[in-house]
N, C-alpha and C. Protein backbone atom coordinates (compact mmCIF):
# COMPACT_ATOMS: atom_id res chain seq x y z
N UNK A 1 -14.97 1.26 -13.48
CA UNK A 1 -13.75 2.02 -13.79
C UNK A 1 -13.43 2.58 -11.96
N UNK A 2 -12.16 2.23 -11.48
CA UNK A 2 -11.97 2.45 -10.27
C UNK A 2 -10.66 3.17 -10.47
N UNK A 3 -10.53 4.25 -9.78
CA UNK A 3 -9.33 5.05 -10.04
C UNK A 3 -8.21 5.28 -8.58
N UNK A 4 -7.15 5.10 -8.35
CA UNK A 4 -6.36 5.03 -7.20
C UNK A 4 -5.34 5.94 -7.39
N UNK A 5 -5.25 6.85 -6.30
CA UNK A 5 -4.33 7.53 -6.43
C UNK A 5 -3.72 7.34 -4.92
N UNK A 6 -2.20 7.25 -4.81
CA UNK A 6 -1.28 7.11 -3.61
C UNK A 6 -0.49 8.64 -3.33
N UNK A 7 -0.40 8.63 -1.97
CA UNK A 7 0.32 9.86 -1.61
C UNK A 7 1.35 9.21 0.07
N UNK A 8 1.93 10.19 0.24
CA UNK A 8 2.73 9.91 1.27
C UNK A 8 4.03 9.60 1.49
N UNK A 9 4.66 8.93 0.29
CA UNK A 9 6.11 8.90 0.20
C UNK A 9 7.12 9.98 0.47
N UNK A 10 7.94 9.52 0.35
CA UNK A 10 9.36 10.73 0.78
C UNK A 10 10.64 9.99 1.11
N UNK A 11 11.25 10.70 1.78
CA UNK A 11 12.88 10.40 2.28
C UNK A 11 12.41 10.27 3.61
N UNK A 12 13.25 9.23 4.27
CA UNK A 12 13.06 9.05 5.61
C UNK A 12 14.39 8.57 6.02
N UNK A 13 15.09 8.91 7.37
CA UNK A 13 16.30 7.85 7.83
C UNK A 13 15.65 6.70 8.20
N UNK A 14 16.71 5.76 8.36
CA UNK A 14 16.67 4.32 8.87
C UNK A 14 15.78 4.57 10.16
N UNK A 15 14.63 3.38 10.62
CA UNK A 15 14.37 3.69 11.92
C UNK A 15 12.99 4.81 12.12
N UNK A 16 12.74 5.35 11.02
CA UNK A 16 11.87 6.40 10.90
C UNK A 16 10.33 5.78 10.48
N UNK A 17 9.44 6.62 10.24
CA UNK A 17 8.15 6.07 9.89
C UNK A 17 7.61 6.91 8.86
N UNK A 18 6.63 6.64 8.17
CA UNK A 18 5.97 6.98 6.98
C UNK A 18 4.75 6.63 7.03
N UNK A 19 3.49 7.26 6.61
CA UNK A 19 2.08 6.56 6.26
C UNK A 19 1.57 7.15 4.88
N UNK A 20 1.59 6.03 4.14
CA UNK A 20 1.14 6.01 2.72
C UNK A 20 -0.49 5.90 2.78
N UNK A 21 -1.20 6.42 1.88
CA UNK A 21 -2.49 6.45 1.82
C UNK A 21 -2.71 6.30 0.48
N UNK A 22 -3.98 5.62 0.17
CA UNK A 22 -4.49 5.02 -1.20
C UNK A 22 -5.99 5.44 -1.41
N UNK A 23 -6.05 6.70 -1.87
CA UNK A 23 -7.39 7.21 -2.03
C UNK A 23 -8.02 6.68 -3.30
N UNK A 24 -9.25 6.00 -3.16
CA UNK A 24 -9.99 5.42 -4.40
C UNK A 24 -11.06 6.28 -4.67
N UNK A 25 -11.39 6.46 -6.14
CA UNK A 25 -12.66 6.90 -6.79
C UNK A 25 -13.45 5.96 -7.76
N UNK A 26 -14.45 6.28 -8.19
CA UNK A 26 -15.15 5.36 -9.17
C UNK A 26 -15.89 4.26 -8.49
N UNK A 27 -15.96 3.69 -9.01
CA UNK A 27 -17.11 2.32 -8.81
C UNK A 27 -16.34 1.31 -7.34
N UNK A 28 -16.21 2.55 -6.35
CA UNK A 28 -15.48 2.03 -5.05
C UNK A 28 -16.32 0.35 -4.40
N UNK A 29 -17.58 0.38 -4.78
CA UNK A 29 -18.34 -0.44 -4.17
C UNK A 29 -18.13 -2.00 -4.82
N UNK A 30 -17.52 -1.97 -5.97
CA UNK A 30 -17.16 -3.20 -6.80
C UNK A 30 -15.73 -3.51 -6.03
N UNK A 31 -15.18 -2.85 -5.11
CA UNK A 31 -13.75 -3.35 -4.59
C UNK A 31 -14.06 -4.39 -3.59
N UNK A 32 -13.11 -5.12 -3.50
CA UNK A 32 -12.90 -6.15 -2.46
C UNK A 32 -11.51 -6.06 -1.85
N UNK A 33 -10.82 -6.69 -2.21
CA UNK A 33 -9.51 -6.88 -1.92
C UNK A 33 -8.80 -5.64 -1.95
N UNK A 34 -7.86 -5.04 -1.33
CA UNK A 34 -6.89 -3.80 -1.42
C UNK A 34 -5.69 -4.35 -1.01
N UNK A 35 -4.72 -3.91 -1.76
CA UNK A 35 -3.53 -4.42 -1.72
C UNK A 35 -2.34 -3.40 -1.89
N UNK A 36 -1.27 -3.69 -1.03
CA UNK A 36 0.15 -2.78 -1.12
C UNK A 36 1.14 -3.47 -1.72
N UNK A 37 1.64 -3.05 -2.88
CA UNK A 37 2.94 -3.83 -3.38
C UNK A 37 4.06 -2.80 -3.43
N UNK A 38 5.35 -3.56 -3.69
CA UNK A 38 6.31 -2.47 -3.81
C UNK A 38 7.26 -2.76 -4.71
N UNK A 39 8.12 -2.09 -5.58
CA UNK A 39 9.21 -2.40 -6.41
C UNK A 39 10.28 -1.51 -6.30
N UNK A 40 11.31 -2.37 -5.92
CA UNK A 40 12.64 -1.86 -5.45
C UNK A 40 13.22 -1.85 -6.90
N UNK A 41 14.47 -0.59 -7.02
CA UNK A 41 15.20 -0.70 -8.51
C UNK A 41 15.80 -2.17 -8.89
N UNK A 42 15.52 -2.50 -10.07
CA UNK A 42 16.12 -3.82 -10.64
C UNK A 42 15.23 -4.84 -10.15
N UNK A 43 14.36 -4.82 -9.56
CA UNK A 43 13.55 -5.92 -9.05
C UNK A 43 12.13 -5.92 -9.43
N UNK A 44 11.60 -7.28 -9.16
CA UNK A 44 9.92 -7.22 -9.67
C UNK A 44 9.26 -6.73 -8.45
N UNK A 45 7.72 -6.70 -9.05
CA UNK A 45 6.83 -6.05 -7.95
C UNK A 45 6.72 -7.08 -6.65
N UNK A 46 6.69 -6.77 -5.71
CA UNK A 46 6.45 -7.38 -4.55
C UNK A 46 5.55 -7.23 -3.75
N UNK A 47 4.58 -8.13 -3.27
CA UNK A 47 3.70 -8.09 -2.63
C UNK A 47 3.93 -7.54 -1.00
N UNK A 48 3.19 -6.71 -0.57
CA UNK A 48 3.59 -6.29 0.79
C UNK A 48 2.55 -6.62 1.92
N UNK A 49 1.14 -5.97 1.59
CA UNK A 49 0.10 -6.10 2.62
C UNK A 49 -1.28 -6.15 1.96
N UNK A 50 -2.30 -6.98 2.32
CA UNK A 50 -3.43 -6.79 1.95
C UNK A 50 -4.50 -6.78 3.14
N UNK A 51 -5.83 -6.08 2.47
CA UNK A 51 -7.04 -6.13 3.70
C UNK A 51 -8.24 -6.27 2.65
N UNK A 52 -9.13 -7.09 3.18
CA UNK A 52 -10.36 -7.39 2.41
C UNK A 52 -11.23 -6.49 3.14
N UNK A 53 -12.28 -5.67 2.46
CA UNK A 53 -13.28 -4.84 2.80
C UNK A 53 -14.38 -5.28 3.56
N UNK A 54 -14.85 -6.53 3.09
CA UNK A 54 -16.17 -7.45 3.53
C UNK A 54 -15.96 -7.78 4.91
N UNK A 55 -14.67 -8.20 5.21
CA UNK A 55 -14.59 -8.74 6.49
C UNK A 55 -13.56 -8.50 7.46
N UNK A 56 -12.67 -7.51 6.92
CA UNK A 56 -11.33 -7.07 7.66
C UNK A 56 -10.35 -7.80 7.53
N UNK A 57 -10.60 -9.04 6.70
CA UNK A 57 -9.20 -9.69 6.55
C UNK A 57 -7.87 -9.06 6.44
N UNK A 58 -6.51 -9.37 7.30
CA UNK A 58 -5.63 -8.65 7.17
C UNK A 58 -4.31 -9.61 6.84
N UNK A 59 -3.40 -9.18 5.85
CA UNK A 59 -2.24 -9.92 5.85
C UNK A 59 -1.30 -9.43 5.44
N UNK A 60 0.31 -10.05 5.76
CA UNK A 60 1.37 -9.22 5.53
C UNK A 60 2.33 -10.16 4.92
N UNK A 61 3.51 -9.64 4.20
CA UNK A 61 4.33 -10.26 3.94
C UNK A 61 5.44 -10.56 5.17
N UNK A 62 6.06 -11.54 5.34
CA UNK A 62 6.88 -11.79 6.26
C UNK A 62 7.78 -10.25 6.61
N UNK A 63 8.58 -10.08 5.44
CA UNK A 63 9.31 -9.14 5.53
C UNK A 63 9.03 -7.72 6.42
N UNK A 64 7.55 -7.50 6.51
CA UNK A 64 7.09 -6.07 7.11
C UNK A 64 6.54 -6.76 7.97
N UNK A 65 6.03 -8.05 8.45
CA UNK A 65 5.06 -7.97 9.75
C UNK A 65 5.87 -7.49 11.00
N UNK A 66 5.11 -6.80 12.01
CA UNK A 66 5.39 -6.30 12.95
C UNK A 66 5.91 -4.87 13.00
N UNK A 67 5.94 -4.59 11.68
CA UNK A 67 6.46 -3.08 11.29
C UNK A 67 5.63 -2.46 10.53
N UNK A 68 4.94 -3.12 9.61
CA UNK A 68 3.86 -2.12 8.64
C UNK A 68 2.48 -2.65 9.26
N UNK A 69 1.64 -1.71 9.24
CA UNK A 69 -0.08 -1.68 9.18
C UNK A 69 -0.91 -1.20 8.24
N UNK A 70 -1.70 -2.45 7.77
CA UNK A 70 -2.76 -1.80 6.67
C UNK A 70 -3.89 -1.43 7.68
N UNK A 71 -4.76 -0.23 6.93
CA UNK A 71 -5.74 -0.17 7.68
C UNK A 71 -6.80 0.37 6.36
N UNK A 72 -8.18 0.79 6.93
CA UNK A 72 -8.79 1.37 5.81
C UNK A 72 -10.14 2.29 6.48
N UNK A 73 -10.46 3.34 5.43
CA UNK A 73 -11.66 4.20 6.20
C UNK A 73 -12.42 4.12 5.02
N UNK A 74 -13.48 3.14 5.41
CA UNK A 74 -14.45 3.10 4.35
C UNK A 74 -15.21 4.44 3.95
N UNK A 75 -15.17 4.90 4.98
CA UNK A 75 -15.97 6.25 4.75
C UNK A 75 -15.39 7.21 3.44
N UNK A 76 -14.09 6.98 3.57
CA UNK A 76 -13.07 8.00 2.68
C UNK A 76 -12.33 6.98 1.41
N UNK A 77 -13.13 5.84 1.48
CA UNK A 77 -12.37 4.83 0.38
C UNK A 77 -11.16 5.28 0.45
N UNK A 78 -10.42 5.15 1.65
CA UNK A 78 -9.00 5.27 1.62
C UNK A 78 -8.05 4.13 2.37
N UNK A 79 -7.45 3.75 1.96
CA UNK A 79 -6.57 2.66 2.60
C UNK A 79 -5.25 3.06 2.84
N UNK A 80 -4.58 2.77 4.01
CA UNK A 80 -3.58 3.32 4.44
C UNK A 80 -2.30 2.35 4.87
N UNK A 81 -1.25 2.39 4.88
CA UNK A 81 -0.17 1.78 5.28
C UNK A 81 0.88 2.36 5.97
N UNK A 82 0.76 2.14 7.31
CA UNK A 82 1.95 2.65 8.21
C UNK A 82 2.86 1.68 8.25
N UNK A 83 3.71 2.56 8.16
CA UNK A 83 5.02 1.98 8.20
C UNK A 83 6.16 2.43 9.18
N UNK A 84 6.77 1.82 9.85
CA UNK A 84 7.54 1.90 11.11
C UNK A 84 8.94 1.40 10.87
N UNK A 85 9.58 1.58 11.76
CA UNK A 85 10.89 0.91 11.89
C UNK A 85 11.38 0.56 10.52
N UNK A 86 11.63 2.02 9.53
CA UNK A 86 11.90 1.37 8.32
C UNK A 86 13.27 1.53 8.10
N UNK A 87 13.81 0.43 7.37
CA UNK A 87 14.74 0.05 6.69
C UNK A 87 15.45 0.23 5.15
N UNK A 88 16.67 0.55 5.07
CA UNK A 88 17.07 0.87 3.54
C UNK A 88 16.35 -0.09 2.51
N UNK A 89 15.99 -1.59 2.61
CA UNK A 89 15.43 -2.51 1.95
C UNK A 89 14.01 -2.07 1.83
N UNK A 90 13.57 -1.04 2.63
CA UNK A 90 12.12 -1.17 2.32
C UNK A 90 12.28 0.07 0.94
N UNK A 91 12.99 0.61 0.41
CA UNK A 91 13.09 1.65 -0.57
C UNK A 91 12.80 1.13 -2.05
N UNK A 92 11.61 1.70 -2.22
CA UNK A 92 10.81 1.07 -3.58
C UNK A 92 9.83 2.14 -3.90
N UNK A 93 9.24 1.92 -4.76
CA UNK A 93 8.03 2.60 -5.01
C UNK A 93 6.77 1.82 -4.82
N UNK A 94 5.95 2.46 -4.07
CA UNK A 94 4.75 1.24 -3.54
C UNK A 94 3.58 1.67 -4.27
N UNK A 95 3.05 0.77 -4.45
CA UNK A 95 1.42 0.72 -5.34
C UNK A 95 0.35 0.08 -4.69
N UNK A 96 -0.87 1.11 -4.91
CA UNK A 96 -1.86 0.34 -4.07
C UNK A 96 -2.42 -0.39 -5.72
N UNK A 97 -3.27 -1.35 -4.78
CA UNK A 97 -3.97 -2.22 -6.06
C UNK A 97 -5.37 -2.59 -5.65
N UNK A 98 -6.09 -2.54 -6.62
CA UNK A 98 -7.68 -2.92 -5.92
C UNK A 98 -8.20 -4.02 -6.81
N UNK A 99 -8.43 -4.81 -6.30
CA UNK A 99 -9.28 -6.14 -6.89
C UNK A 99 -10.98 -6.12 -6.86
N UNK A 100 -11.15 -5.41 -7.94
CA UNK A 100 -12.84 -5.32 -7.78
C UNK A 100 -13.30 -6.27 -8.85
N UNK A 101 -14.43 -7.03 -8.62
CA UNK A 101 -14.72 -8.01 -9.22
C UNK A 101 -14.78 -7.93 -10.62
N UNK A 102 -13.87 -8.89 -11.30
CA UNK A 102 -13.40 -8.90 -12.68
C UNK A 102 -12.63 -8.16 -13.39
N UNK A 103 -11.86 -7.00 -12.22
CA UNK A 103 -10.98 -6.25 -12.90
C UNK A 103 -9.92 -6.05 -11.90
N UNK A 104 -8.80 -5.55 -12.44
CA UNK A 104 -7.89 -5.37 -11.50
C UNK A 104 -7.52 -3.70 -11.62
N UNK A 105 -6.85 -3.06 -10.59
CA UNK A 105 -6.73 -1.30 -10.71
C UNK A 105 -5.56 -1.25 -10.28
N UNK A 106 -4.72 -0.37 -10.55
CA UNK A 106 -3.33 0.07 -10.01
C UNK A 106 -3.13 1.34 -9.78
N UNK A 107 -2.71 1.72 -8.82
CA UNK A 107 -2.06 3.35 -8.82
C UNK A 107 -1.02 3.70 -9.50
N UNK A 108 -0.40 5.09 -9.24
CA UNK A 108 0.38 5.26 -10.27
C UNK A 108 1.73 5.11 -9.39
N UNK A 109 1.84 4.98 -8.00
CA UNK A 109 3.05 4.96 -7.34
C UNK A 109 3.46 5.86 -6.42
N UNK A 110 4.08 5.85 -5.29
CA UNK A 110 4.42 6.94 -4.41
C UNK A 110 6.01 6.20 -4.24
N UNK A 111 6.82 7.13 -4.27
CA UNK A 111 8.49 6.78 -3.68
C UNK A 111 8.70 6.86 -2.44
N UNK A 112 9.04 5.88 -2.12
CA UNK A 112 9.72 5.58 -0.62
C UNK A 112 11.17 5.64 -0.36
N UNK A 113 12.13 6.48 0.07
CA UNK A 113 13.08 6.16 0.09
C UNK A 113 14.04 6.35 1.43
N UNK A 114 14.68 5.00 2.00
CA UNK A 114 14.97 5.04 3.40
C UNK A 114 16.63 5.09 3.31
N UNK A 115 17.19 6.29 3.98
CA UNK A 115 18.57 6.13 3.91
C UNK A 115 19.21 5.43 5.31
N UNK A 116 20.48 5.32 4.91
CA UNK A 116 21.23 4.52 6.43
C UNK A 116 21.77 5.66 7.04
């Protein structure tokens, strides 16, 4: 089992920045890919970014490329999402996801609200 806890959300003005954290505990050695997803009100869950712990592979959704940066601190079992130049369209609940061999884990989410 893996437990994920997101933090760092909040209210920010357009153009501002936030850094989200996802702290993992439990069988963290089984985790490979780590993802950030988001879900805006009335919409489905949307892929944001990914990082592969084994080789550092990183990718982003087109909507956040150049503004968001995913990174990890393996010693702390924590994945970060640095979000710069935030836009009102970035308003959503942001979720951390861990792909552990044969299993899929989600955090409870953290709210990000960007005011215009």
